[in-house]
């Protein structure tokens, strides 16, 4: 890390990046399988050059596990700016260290999970444990103009987040790897460790930011993997009831298996039912996000560019939470929205919290040692991780995941480097 430290000290105050997002190819010309974005609603598994060590703090891993995230669907549909054709996607990966740069302290052959964000470990935000707010790993001028500040780089998530190649591939280059990799102990198989890259700490972060207290009634909008894990964390933190809102029958059933009461919003009005049955919520968590417009008005406004994001789910939460209640937003929002119920936020005294992209490294050790290794999350993982597929099927998986077919919620995607399925985890499935 000495070279990175020197670079950091040289640029304090100007905030350029201290790592390269360059995709440097190996001199031997070797290739790998990797999932690339090829235009709106089109991804393709291609032969791509294997990455080479670029910066002194780099590591390169042989990927042994990856997955498709709900936020990857924003890329699939071309909804994230600065996405370029042929970019390698994927921000959740684990693997085996294959090569290291001279400043990296990881060992070849070591098993690691990789955080979805790329942090420098040295800026003021990283030192506070807020690694997703890192000042020095994303050079996007668009993000700075749009939001006022830049956030950290993210693997496989467009040039808006730095333009780094992702991990839905056989190999992955990890900048500042000592900061952005967590070694996995032998008693944590890849089928558990992989999810430390994003969904487990992200859902935990949403619940922590929401300030859940013993006895609270919690509402969770959106039952993808993050939402379902929020149900689990809410109960772990002492919630007396969790009300889970979605429309997909399989996902509603999963929430019930986790102990939640459920509402299918296509059949019942969530606000009316929550107010009548529970008197309101103490806290709500938005795990749905900007893509899920419900009314014709918002669908039209999004289609013609009058707004980028829909406010409908947030407006339901604003109405459903009690006076001086709290709403935590962990779902993705990108730009602007119309018809936002700001009056109720002020008049009801609602604490509306943008939880941000979760600072993964802040929670790694706690979750690894106190929840994964102790088996406390085994029940939730057995429900939420539904399938195991081959990397060779990932392009079709995007389509099935997008349309919510085959009961797919969270997957484990194996590569040619993966070990056989760990005991109690899904066996290899076929996509149809």
Protein backbone atom coordinates (compact mmCIF):
# COMPACT_ATOMS: atom_id res chain seq x y z
CA UNK A 1 0.00 0.00 0.00
CA UNK A 2 3.05 2.33 0.12
CA UNK A 3 2.68 3.41 -3.51
CA UNK A 4 -1.04 4.08 -3.06
CA UNK A 5 -0.30 6.09 0.09
CA UNK A 6 2.25 8.26 -1.71
CA UNK A 7 -0.15 8.83 -4.56
CA UNK A 8 -2.88 9.80 -2.11
CA UNK A 9 -0.68 12.33 -0.33
CA UNK A 10 0.25 13.89 -3.66
CA UNK A 11 -3.34 14.59 -4.68
CA UNK A 12 -5.08 15.70 -1.46
CA UNK A 13 -7.43 18.53 -2.34
CA UNK A 14 -7.82 17.75 -6.05
CA UNK A 15 -9.62 14.39 -5.75
CA UNK A 16 -8.46 12.60 -8.90
CA UNK A 17 -8.37 8.82 -8.73
CA UNK A 18 -5.34 7.07 -7.27
CA UNK A 19 -5.97 3.78 -9.09
CA UNK A 20 -6.31 2.93 -12.73
CA UNK A 21 -9.58 1.75 -14.27
CA UNK A 22 -7.62 0.68 -17.34
CA UNK A 23 -8.34 -2.84 -18.59
CA UNK A 24 -4.80 -4.05 -19.23
CA UNK A 25 -4.47 -7.34 -21.09
CA UNK A 26 -1.95 -10.04 -20.31
CA UNK A 27 1.08 -10.21 -22.57
CA UNK A 28 0.48 -13.85 -23.36
CA UNK A 29 -2.84 -13.00 -25.01
CA UNK A 30 -4.81 -15.47 -22.87
CA UNK A 31 -8.59 -15.11 -22.74
CA UNK A 32 -11.50 -15.85 -20.40
CA UNK A 33 -15.27 -16.12 -20.51
CA UNK A 34 -16.98 -12.87 -19.42
CA UNK A 35 -20.50 -11.44 -19.54
CA UNK A 36 -20.62 -8.19 -21.53
CA UNK A 37 -23.28 -5.54 -22.08
CA UNK A 38 -24.05 -5.28 -25.77
CA UNK A 39 -26.91 -2.77 -25.80
CA UNK A 40 -30.36 -2.31 -24.28
CA UNK A 41 -31.79 -5.66 -23.14
CA UNK A 42 -28.82 -7.55 -24.55
CA UNK A 43 -25.95 -9.22 -22.73
CA UNK A 44 -23.57 -11.81 -24.16
CA UNK A 45 -20.99 -14.23 -22.77
CA UNK A 46 -17.87 -13.61 -24.78
CA UNK A 47 -14.21 -14.52 -24.96
CA UNK A 48 -12.41 -11.51 -23.50
CA UNK A 49 -8.73 -10.87 -22.70
CA UNK A 50 -7.70 -11.91 -19.21
CA UNK A 51 -6.82 -8.94 -17.00
CA UNK A 52 -3.25 -8.22 -15.95
CA UNK A 53 -1.80 -6.58 -12.85
CA UNK A 54 -2.02 -2.84 -13.49
CA UNK A 55 -1.28 -1.10 -10.17
CA UNK A 56 1.07 -2.22 -7.37
CA UNK A 57 -1.80 -2.92 -4.95
CA UNK A 58 -3.74 -5.13 -7.38
CA UNK A 59 -4.74 -8.75 -7.03
CA UNK A 60 -6.26 -10.96 -9.69
CA UNK A 61 -8.57 -13.77 -8.65
CA UNK A 62 -9.88 -16.86 -10.35
CA UNK A 63 -13.58 -16.30 -9.85
CA UNK A 64 -15.24 -19.25 -8.10
CA UNK A 65 -18.61 -17.62 -7.48
CA UNK A 66 -20.62 -14.72 -8.83
CA UNK A 67 -24.30 -13.80 -9.13
CA UNK A 68 -26.77 -11.46 -10.79
CA UNK A 69 -28.11 -8.61 -8.65
CA UNK A 70 -31.42 -6.80 -9.04
CA UNK A 71 -29.45 -3.62 -9.67
CA UNK A 72 -27.76 -5.34 -12.64
CA UNK A 73 -31.14 -5.17 -14.35
CA UNK A 74 -30.81 -1.37 -14.50
CA UNK A 75 -27.74 -1.96 -16.67
CA UNK A 76 -29.44 -4.69 -18.68
CA UNK A 77 -32.19 -2.22 -19.63
CA UNK A 78 -29.73 0.58 -20.38
CA UNK A 79 -31.05 2.77 -17.57
CA UNK A 80 -27.66 3.77 -16.11
CA UNK A 81 -25.72 6.52 -17.92
CA UNK A 82 -22.16 6.15 -19.21
CA UNK A 83 -22.57 2.44 -19.97
CA UNK A 84 -20.43 1.40 -22.92
CA UNK A 85 -20.84 -1.64 -25.15
CA UNK A 86 -18.58 -4.62 -24.40
CA UNK A 87 -18.16 -3.65 -20.73
CA UNK A 88 -17.86 -6.64 -18.39
CA UNK A 89 -20.66 -6.65 -15.83
CA UNK A 90 -20.97 -7.97 -12.28
CA UNK A 91 -20.22 -6.50 -8.85
CA UNK A 92 -20.50 -9.59 -6.59
CA UNK A 93 -17.62 -12.05 -6.66
CA UNK A 94 -15.52 -14.42 -4.63
CA UNK A 95 -12.53 -16.44 -5.73
CA UNK A 96 -8.98 -17.64 -5.30
CA UNK A 97 -6.05 -15.22 -5.45
CA UNK A 98 -4.10 -15.99 -8.62
CA UNK A 99 -1.66 -13.06 -8.86
CA UNK A 100 -0.69 -10.12 -6.67
CA UNK A 101 1.09 -6.83 -7.24
CA UNK A 102 4.21 -5.89 -5.25
CA UNK A 103 2.25 -3.83 -2.69
CA UNK A 104 -0.50 -6.40 -2.11
CA UNK A 105 -0.28 -8.56 1.03
CA UNK A 106 -2.75 -11.26 -0.03
CA UNK A 107 -1.30 -14.68 -0.74
CA UNK A 108 -1.67 -16.73 -3.88
CA UNK A 109 -4.18 -19.51 -3.31
CA UNK A 110 -6.05 -17.57 -0.63
CA UNK A 111 -9.86 -17.60 -0.81
CA UNK A 112 -11.43 -14.14 -0.71
CA UNK A 113 -14.72 -12.32 -1.19
CA UNK A 114 -14.61 -8.97 -2.99
CA UNK A 115 -16.62 -5.91 -1.95
CA UNK A 116 -18.82 -4.53 -4.70
CA UNK A 117 -17.32 -1.07 -4.23
CA UNK A 118 -13.70 -0.08 -4.65
CA UNK A 119 -12.29 1.91 -1.73
CA UNK A 120 -8.89 3.52 -1.22
CA UNK A 121 -8.85 2.90 2.55
CA UNK A 122 -7.16 6.23 3.26
CA UNK A 123 -9.45 9.16 2.45
CA UNK A 124 -11.57 10.83 5.16
CA UNK A 125 -14.62 8.72 4.30
CA UNK A 126 -12.80 5.40 4.23
CA UNK A 127 -11.25 6.21 7.61
CA UNK A 128 -14.77 6.70 9.00
CA UNK A 129 -15.84 3.31 7.64
CA UNK A 130 -17.89 4.92 4.85
CA UNK A 131 -16.06 3.16 2.03
CA UNK A 132 -18.76 3.69 -0.60
CA UNK A 133 -18.19 7.43 -0.25
CA UNK A 134 -14.49 7.02 -1.13
CA UNK A 135 -13.06 10.16 -2.73
CA UNK A 136 -10.35 8.60 -4.85
CA UNK A 137 -11.54 5.59 -6.86
CA UNK A 138 -14.10 7.10 -9.27
CA UNK A 139 -13.25 9.77 -11.81
CA UNK A 140 -16.81 10.27 -13.13
CA UNK A 141 -17.36 13.96 -13.76
CA UNK A 142 -21.02 13.25 -14.57
CA UNK A 143 -21.69 11.89 -11.07
CA UNK A 144 -20.08 14.94 -9.52
CA UNK A 145 -22.18 17.31 -11.65
CA UNK A 146 -25.41 15.38 -11.04
CA UNK A 147 -25.11 14.74 -7.29
CA UNK A 148 -22.58 17.32 -6.14
CA UNK A 149 -20.00 14.72 -5.08
CA UNK A 150 -18.47 11.56 -6.44
CA UNK A 151 -18.90 8.21 -4.73
CA UNK A 152 -16.56 5.22 -4.86
CA UNK A 153 -15.87 3.13 -7.90
CA UNK A 154 -17.99 0.00 -8.35
CA UNK A 155 -17.11 -3.15 -10.23
CA UNK A 156 -18.95 -3.74 -13.50
CA UNK A 157 -21.37 -0.84 -13.19
CA UNK A 158 -20.70 1.63 -16.03
CA UNK A 159 -18.38 4.61 -16.26
CA UNK A 160 -20.72 6.51 -13.93
CA UNK A 161 -19.12 4.43 -11.17
CA UNK A 162 -15.60 4.39 -12.52
CA UNK A 163 -15.62 2.11 -15.55
CA UNK A 164 -14.08 -0.92 -13.80
CA UNK A 165 -14.48 -4.36 -15.34
CA UNK A 166 -16.82 -6.61 -13.38
CA UNK A 167 -16.73 -10.09 -11.93
CA UNK A 168 -19.29 -12.03 -14.00
CA UNK A 169 -16.25 -13.61 -15.54
CA UNK A 170 -13.59 -16.22 -14.95
CA UNK A 171 -10.98 -13.71 -13.73
CA UNK A 172 -11.22 -10.34 -11.99
CA UNK A 173 -8.68 -7.64 -11.29
CA UNK A 174 -9.14 -6.01 -7.86
CA UNK A 175 -7.52 -2.61 -7.25
CA UNK A 176 -6.20 -1.90 -3.73
CA UNK A 177 -6.95 -5.52 -2.96
CA UNK A 178 -5.84 -5.40 0.69
CA UNK A 179 -8.77 -3.05 1.32
CA UNK A 180 -11.32 -4.54 -1.05
CA UNK A 181 -10.93 -8.26 -0.33
CA UNK A 182 -11.89 -10.21 2.78
CA UNK A 183 -10.16 -13.57 3.31
CA UNK A 184 -12.67 -16.36 3.84
CA UNK A 185 -12.04 -19.00 6.53
CA UNK A 186 -12.32 -22.67 5.61
CA UNK A 187 -15.61 -23.08 7.50
CA UNK A 188 -17.37 -20.52 5.26
CA UNK A 189 -17.96 -21.99 1.79
CA UNK A 190 -18.25 -19.81 -1.27
CA UNK A 191 -22.02 -20.36 -1.25
CA UNK A 192 -22.15 -18.29 1.94
CA UNK A 193 -19.11 -16.05 1.58
CA UNK A 194 -20.12 -14.71 -1.84
CA UNK A 195 -23.04 -12.81 -0.36
CA UNK A 196 -20.75 -10.75 1.86
CA UNK A 197 -19.92 -8.89 -1.36
CA UNK A 198 -23.25 -7.07 -1.31
CA UNK A 199 -26.68 -8.35 -0.26
CA UNK A 200 -26.03 -9.44 3.33
CA UNK A 201 -24.17 -6.31 4.51
CA UNK A 202 -26.32 -4.05 2.31
CA UNK A 203 -29.53 -5.28 3.93
CA UNK A 204 -27.91 -5.08 7.37
CA UNK A 205 -26.86 -1.50 6.67
CA UNK A 206 -30.43 -0.55 5.65
CA UNK A 207 -31.79 -1.89 8.94
CA UNK A 208 -29.06 -0.25 11.02
CA UNK A 209 -29.63 3.12 9.33
CA UNK A 210 -33.36 2.73 9.90
CA UNK A 211 -32.71 2.49 13.65
CA UNK A 212 -34.83 -0.58 14.32
CA UNK A 213 -35.72 -0.95 18.00
CA UNK A 214 -37.17 -3.88 19.94
CA UNK A 215 -40.94 -4.05 19.48
CA UNK A 216 -41.05 -1.98 16.29
CA UNK A 217 -43.42 -2.71 13.41
CA UNK A 218 -41.38 -2.61 10.21
CA UNK A 219 -42.53 -2.37 6.59
CA UNK A 220 -40.39 -3.67 3.73
CA UNK A 221 -41.28 -2.66 0.17
CA UNK A 222 -39.79 -4.99 -2.47
CA UNK A 223 -38.91 -8.63 -1.84
CA UNK A 224 -35.84 -9.21 -3.89
CA UNK A 225 -32.80 -10.60 -2.07
CA UNK A 226 -32.14 -7.31 -0.24
CA UNK A 227 -35.76 -6.99 0.88
CA UNK A 228 -35.94 -10.58 2.06
CA UNK A 229 -32.72 -10.21 4.05
CA UNK A 230 -34.11 -6.98 5.54
CA UNK A 231 -37.03 -9.07 6.84
CA UNK A 232 -34.55 -11.41 8.51
CA UNK A 233 -32.38 -8.64 9.97
CA UNK A 234 -35.44 -6.77 11.28
CA UNK A 235 -36.47 -9.80 13.32
CA UNK A 236 -32.90 -10.33 14.52
CA UNK A 237 -32.89 -6.69 15.71
CA UNK A 238 -36.08 -7.22 17.70
CA UNK A 239 -38.97 -6.15 15.47
CA UNK A 240 -42.32 -7.40 16.75
CA UNK A 241 -43.81 -7.55 13.26
CA UNK A 242 -42.55 -7.16 9.72
CA UNK A 243 -44.98 -6.32 6.93
CA UNK A 244 -43.58 -7.28 3.50
CA UNK A 245 -45.03 -5.78 0.29
CA UNK A 246 -44.57 -7.23 -3.21
CA UNK A 247 -46.63 -8.87 -5.96
CA UNK A 248 -44.67 -12.03 -6.87
CA UNK A 249 -46.33 -15.03 -5.15
CA UNK A 250 -43.08 -16.98 -4.64
CA UNK A 251 -41.40 -14.01 -3.00
CA UNK A 252 -44.36 -13.30 -0.75
CA UNK A 253 -44.25 -16.93 0.35
CA UNK A 254 -40.52 -16.62 1.13
CA UNK A 255 -41.25 -13.61 3.32
CA UNK A 256 -43.91 -15.59 5.17
CA UNK A 257 -41.41 -18.40 5.73
CA UNK A 258 -39.14 -15.78 7.31
CA UNK A 259 -41.99 -14.80 9.64
CA UNK A 260 -43.41 -11.71 7.92
CA UNK A 261 -46.99 -10.67 7.32
CA UNK A 262 -47.42 -10.02 3.60
CA UNK A 263 -49.38 -7.74 1.28
CA UNK A 264 -49.80 -8.30 -2.45
CA UNK A 265 -50.14 -4.74 -3.70
CA UNK A 266 -52.00 -5.87 -6.83
CA UNK A 267 -54.80 -7.21 -4.62
CA UNK A 268 -54.82 -4.86 -1.60
CA UNK A 269 -53.98 -1.22 -0.91
CA UNK A 270 -50.86 -1.40 1.30
CA UNK A 271 -51.44 1.97 2.97
CA UNK A 272 -55.08 1.31 3.80
CA UNK A 273 -54.38 -2.18 5.13
CA UNK A 274 -51.36 -1.11 7.21
CA UNK A 275 -53.23 1.78 8.81
CA UNK A 276 -56.29 -0.34 9.56
CA UNK A 277 -54.49 -3.44 10.82
CA UNK A 278 -51.38 -2.03 12.52
CA UNK A 279 -52.14 1.66 13.06
CA UNK A 280 -49.08 2.50 10.99
CA UNK A 281 -45.43 1.50 10.86
CA UNK A 282 -42.63 2.60 13.13
CA UNK A 283 -40.16 2.29 10.27
CA UNK A 284 -40.16 1.39 6.58
CA UNK A 285 -37.41 0.25 4.23
CA UNK A 286 -37.52 0.86 0.48
CA UNK A 287 -36.01 -2.14 -1.28
CA UNK A 288 -37.91 -1.61 -4.56
CA UNK A 289 -36.48 1.51 -6.19
CA UNK A 290 -36.97 3.70 -9.21
CA UNK A 291 -37.90 1.14 -11.88
CA UNK A 292 -41.19 -0.04 -10.45
CA UNK A 293 -43.79 2.47 -11.58
CA UNK A 294 -47.35 1.35 -10.80
CA UNK A 295 -49.67 4.02 -12.20
CA UNK A 296 -50.12 4.94 -15.85
CA UNK A 297 -49.11 8.51 -15.03
CA UNK A 298 -45.65 7.55 -13.78
CA UNK A 299 -45.17 4.97 -16.52
CA UNK A 300 -45.81 7.64 -19.14
CA UNK A 301 -43.65 10.23 -17.41
CA UNK A 302 -40.74 7.81 -17.23
CA UNK A 303 -41.23 6.70 -20.83
CA UNK A 304 -41.09 10.23 -22.21
CA UNK A 305 -38.30 11.41 -19.89
CA UNK A 306 -40.30 13.73 -17.63
CA UNK A 307 -38.85 11.85 -14.66
CA UNK A 308 -36.17 9.21 -14.21
CA UNK A 309 -37.54 7.70 -11.00
CA UNK A 310 -41.03 6.97 -9.66
CA UNK A 311 -42.07 8.28 -6.23
CA UNK A 312 -44.98 5.86 -5.75
CA UNK A 313 -43.43 3.40 -3.32
CA UNK A 314 -41.92 6.20 -1.26
CA UNK A 315 -45.28 7.99 -1.13
CA UNK A 316 -46.91 4.82 0.18
CA UNK A 317 -44.28 4.60 2.93
CA UNK A 318 -44.71 8.26 3.81
CA UNK A 319 -48.43 7.67 4.31
CA UNK A 320 -48.00 4.35 6.12
CA UNK A 321 -45.37 5.28 8.71
CA UNK A 322 -46.45 6.82 11.99
CA UNK A 323 -45.78 10.43 12.89
CA UNK A 324 -42.06 10.87 13.49
CA UNK A 325 -41.47 7.48 11.91
CA UNK A 326 -38.41 6.60 9.83
CA UNK A 327 -37.93 5.56 6.21
CA UNK A 328 -34.65 4.07 4.99
CA UNK A 329 -33.96 4.01 1.24
CA UNK A 330 -31.61 1.22 0.21
CA UNK A 331 -33.11 0.63 -3.25
CA UNK A 332 -31.53 2.30 -6.26
CA UNK A 333 -32.61 5.79 -7.29
CA UNK A 334 -30.77 7.67 -9.99
CA UNK A 335 -32.15 11.14 -10.70
CA UNK A 336 -35.43 13.03 -10.48
CA UNK A 337 -39.00 12.19 -9.53
CA UNK A 338 -42.40 13.90 -9.73
CA UNK A 339 -45.38 14.05 -7.35
CA UNK A 340 -43.24 13.39 -4.28
CA UNK A 341 -45.26 13.84 -1.07
CA UNK A 342 -42.84 16.25 0.56
CA UNK A 343 -45.54 17.96 2.60
CA UNK A 344 -46.21 14.82 4.60
CA UNK A 345 -42.49 14.30 5.20
CA UNK A 346 -42.31 17.70 6.85
CA UNK A 347 -45.67 17.79 8.62
CA UNK A 348 -45.46 14.22 10.02
CA UNK A 349 -41.86 14.73 11.09
CA UNK A 350 -40.67 11.74 9.07
CA UNK A 351 -36.98 10.86 9.11
CA UNK A 352 -36.27 10.09 5.44
CA UNK A 353 -32.82 8.50 5.20
CA UNK A 354 -30.88 7.83 2.04
CA UNK A 355 -28.95 4.81 3.24
CA UNK A 356 -26.64 5.10 0.25
CA UNK A 357 -24.63 2.33 -1.27
CA UNK A 358 -23.73 0.23 1.76
CA UNK A 359 -20.16 0.52 3.12
CA UNK A 360 -19.51 -3.21 2.94
CA UNK A 361 -16.17 -3.31 4.74
CA UNK A 362 -17.65 -1.59 7.81
CA UNK A 363 -19.74 -4.68 8.60
CA UNK A 364 -17.62 -7.52 7.18
CA UNK A 365 -15.99 -8.89 10.33
CA UNK A 366 -19.11 -8.61 12.49
CA UNK A 367 -21.34 -10.43 9.99
CA UNK A 368 -18.71 -13.02 9.10
CA UNK A 369 -17.88 -14.01 12.67
CA UNK A 370 -21.16 -13.43 14.51
CA UNK A 371 -23.71 -14.48 11.91
CA UNK A 372 -22.26 -16.52 9.03
CA UNK A 373 -19.81 -18.67 10.99
CA UNK A 374 -22.33 -19.23 13.79
CA UNK A 375 -25.07 -20.37 11.39
CA UNK A 376 -27.49 -17.60 12.38
CA UNK A 377 -28.16 -16.76 8.73
CA UNK A 378 -28.42 -20.35 7.47
CA UNK A 379 -32.22 -20.38 7.49
CA UNK A 380 -32.48 -17.13 5.51
CA UNK A 381 -29.81 -18.24 3.03
CA UNK A 382 -31.63 -21.54 2.47
CA UNK A 383 -34.76 -19.61 1.50
CA UNK A 384 -33.28 -16.70 -0.46
CA UNK A 385 -30.53 -18.47 -2.44
CA UNK A 386 -32.74 -20.45 -4.78
CA UNK A 387 -30.58 -21.72 -7.64
CA UNK A 388 -27.11 -22.59 -8.85
CA UNK A 389 -26.26 -22.08 -12.53
CA UNK A 390 -23.23 -22.23 -14.82
CA UNK A 391 -21.50 -19.08 -16.02
CA UNK A 392 -22.22 -20.34 -19.54
CA UNK A 393 -25.95 -19.75 -18.90
CA UNK A 394 -25.69 -16.25 -17.44
CA UNK A 395 -27.02 -14.39 -20.48
CA UNK A 396 -30.26 -16.39 -20.32
CA UNK A 397 -30.31 -15.99 -16.53
CA UNK A 398 -30.52 -12.21 -16.93
CA UNK A 399 -33.71 -12.62 -18.95
CA UNK A 400 -35.32 -15.10 -16.55
CA UNK A 401 -34.35 -13.05 -13.51
CA UNK A 402 -35.76 -9.91 -15.11
CA UNK A 403 -39.13 -11.54 -15.77
CA UNK A 404 -39.08 -13.31 -12.38
CA UNK A 405 -39.50 -16.76 -13.90
CA UNK A 406 -38.63 -20.20 -12.48
CA UNK A 407 -38.82 -18.89 -8.91
CA UNK A 408 -35.35 -17.33 -9.25
CA UNK A 409 -34.47 -14.93 -6.42
CA UNK A 410 -30.75 -15.14 -5.63
CA UNK A 411 -28.37 -17.39 -7.49
CA UNK A 412 -24.90 -18.83 -7.16
CA UNK A 413 -23.13 -18.86 -10.52
CA UNK A 414 -20.27 -21.32 -10.79
CA UNK A 415 -17.25 -21.14 -13.07
CA UNK A 416 -14.77 -23.78 -14.16
CA UNK A 417 -12.80 -22.95 -10.99
CA UNK A 418 -15.65 -23.61 -8.54
CA UNK A 419 -15.73 -26.42 -6.00
CA UNK A 420 -18.74 -28.78 -5.97
CA UNK A 421 -21.84 -27.42 -4.18
CA UNK A 422 -21.41 -27.18 -0.42
CA UNK A 423 -23.66 -29.28 1.78
CA UNK A 424 -27.15 -27.81 2.08
CA UNK A 425 -26.81 -25.40 -0.85
CA UNK A 426 -28.62 -25.58 -4.21
CA UNK A 427 -27.46 -28.14 -6.73
CA UNK A 428 -26.76 -27.18 -10.33
CA UNK A 429 -29.94 -26.30 -12.24
CA UNK A 430 -30.78 -25.79 -15.89
CA UNK A 431 -32.47 -22.73 -17.32
CA UNK A 432 -35.42 -23.29 -19.61
